[in-house]
Structures are given as C-alpha cells and as structure tokens.
Amino acid sequence: MENVIKNYESLLLDYSEASRIALETGRKRLLAFAMEKLEEFERSFIQTFSFEKLLELQKEFNSQGLLIA
C-alpha cells in the first residue's frame, strides 16, 4: 500500500507542476496528460480498494495541500 500512496502523491505533484506551467504559459497538453493519469489511477484504486478508501487518502493529502480542487 505504501507504493500506491507514493505513486498517488507523485501524480498529484505532477498535476500541480503541470497546472503551474499551464497557467504561466498557456500550454495545456501536459496538464491534460497529468489529469488523465490521475483519473486512471483513481479509477483503478477504486476498483482495487474502494471509493471510501480513496476519499480517506485524498483527505490525508488535502491536509498536506496536495489535493486537486
């Protein structure tokens, strides 16, 4: 489970960086890719674990300021 959490954290950080780049440059391809990867991860996580477990994980990351809005 620790690897799964680290992977999710990495995806959230990628999303954050892609968002920054999109805001600064107007280039959105990287942001779209990051969002797609996040969606794939979350769908897979829900299938493997549960929606409730994903919400718990998001709450944990939200307290660290890593959750996307």
Protein backbone atom coordinates (compact mmCIF):
# COMPACT_ATOMS: atom_id res chain seq x y z
CA MET A 1 0.00 0.00 0.00
CA GLU A 2 2.92 2.34 0.68
CA ASN A 3 3.95 2.18 -3.00
CA VAL A 4 0.40 3.00 -4.05
CA ILE A 5 0.35 6.05 -1.77
CA LYS A 6 3.74 7.23 -3.08
CA ASN A 7 2.52 6.81 -6.66
CA TYR A 8 -0.60 8.88 -5.94
CA GLU A 9 1.49 11.57 -4.27
CA SER A 10 3.76 11.67 -7.31
CA LEU A 11 0.78 12.02 -9.64
CA LEU A 12 -0.61 14.87 -7.53
CA LEU A 13 2.75 16.64 -7.61
CA ASP A 14 2.93 16.15 -11.39
CA TYR A 15 -0.55 17.64 -11.69
CA SER A 16 0.46 20.61 -9.55
CA GLU A 17 3.52 21.31 -11.69
CA ALA A 18 1.56 20.88 -14.93
CA SER A 19 -1.06 23.32 -13.62
CA ARG A 20 1.63 25.88 -12.85
CA ILE A 21 3.10 25.52 -16.32
CA ALA A 22 -0.34 25.82 -17.94
CA LEU A 23 -1.09 28.99 -16.00
CA GLU A 24 2.27 30.56 -16.82
CA THR A 25 2.50 29.60 -20.48
CA GLY A 26 -0.99 28.69 -21.64
CA ARG A 27 0.30 25.26 -22.71
CA LYS A 28 -2.27 22.71 -21.59
CA ARG A 29 -1.15 19.42 -23.14
CA LEU A 30 0.95 18.45 -20.11
CA LEU A 31 -1.93 19.36 -17.80
CA ALA A 32 -4.34 17.19 -19.81
CA PHE A 33 -1.89 14.29 -19.60
CA ALA A 34 -1.48 14.72 -15.82
CA MET A 35 -5.25 14.82 -15.34
CA GLU A 36 -5.68 11.68 -17.45
CA LYS A 37 -3.09 9.80 -15.38
CA LEU A 38 -4.77 10.92 -12.14
CA GLU A 39 -8.14 9.73 -13.40
CA GLU A 40 -6.69 6.36 -14.44
CA PHE A 41 -5.08 5.93 -11.04
CA GLU A 42 -8.24 6.87 -9.13
CA ARG A 43 -10.43 4.54 -11.19
CA SER A 44 -8.00 1.68 -10.65
CA PHE A 45 -7.71 2.48 -6.94
CA ILE A 46 -11.50 2.39 -6.53
CA GLN A 47 -11.71 -0.96 -8.34
CA THR A 48 -8.93 -2.45 -6.23
CA PHE A 49 -9.79 -0.92 -2.86
CA SER A 50 -12.89 1.25 -2.56
CA PHE A 51 -14.23 4.73 -3.14
CA GLU A 52 -14.26 5.33 0.62
CA LYS A 53 -10.56 4.39 0.85
CA LEU A 54 -9.78 6.87 -1.94
CA LEU A 55 -11.64 9.59 -0.04
CA GLU A 56 -9.57 8.79 3.06
CA LEU A 57 -6.37 9.06 1.05
CA GLN A 58 -7.50 12.33 -0.52
CA LYS A 59 -8.31 13.72 2.91
CA GLU A 60 -4.80 12.83 4.07
CA PHE A 61 -3.24 14.55 1.05
CA ASN A 62 -5.58 17.50 1.40
CA SER A 63 -4.15 18.14 4.86
CA GLN A 64 -0.73 18.33 3.13
CA GLY A 65 -2.04 20.71 0.45
CA LEU A 66 -1.66 18.16 -2.35
CA LEU A 67 -5.26 17.58 -3.36
CA ILE A 68 -6.57 18.98 -6.62
CA ALA A 69 -9.72 21.08 -6.48
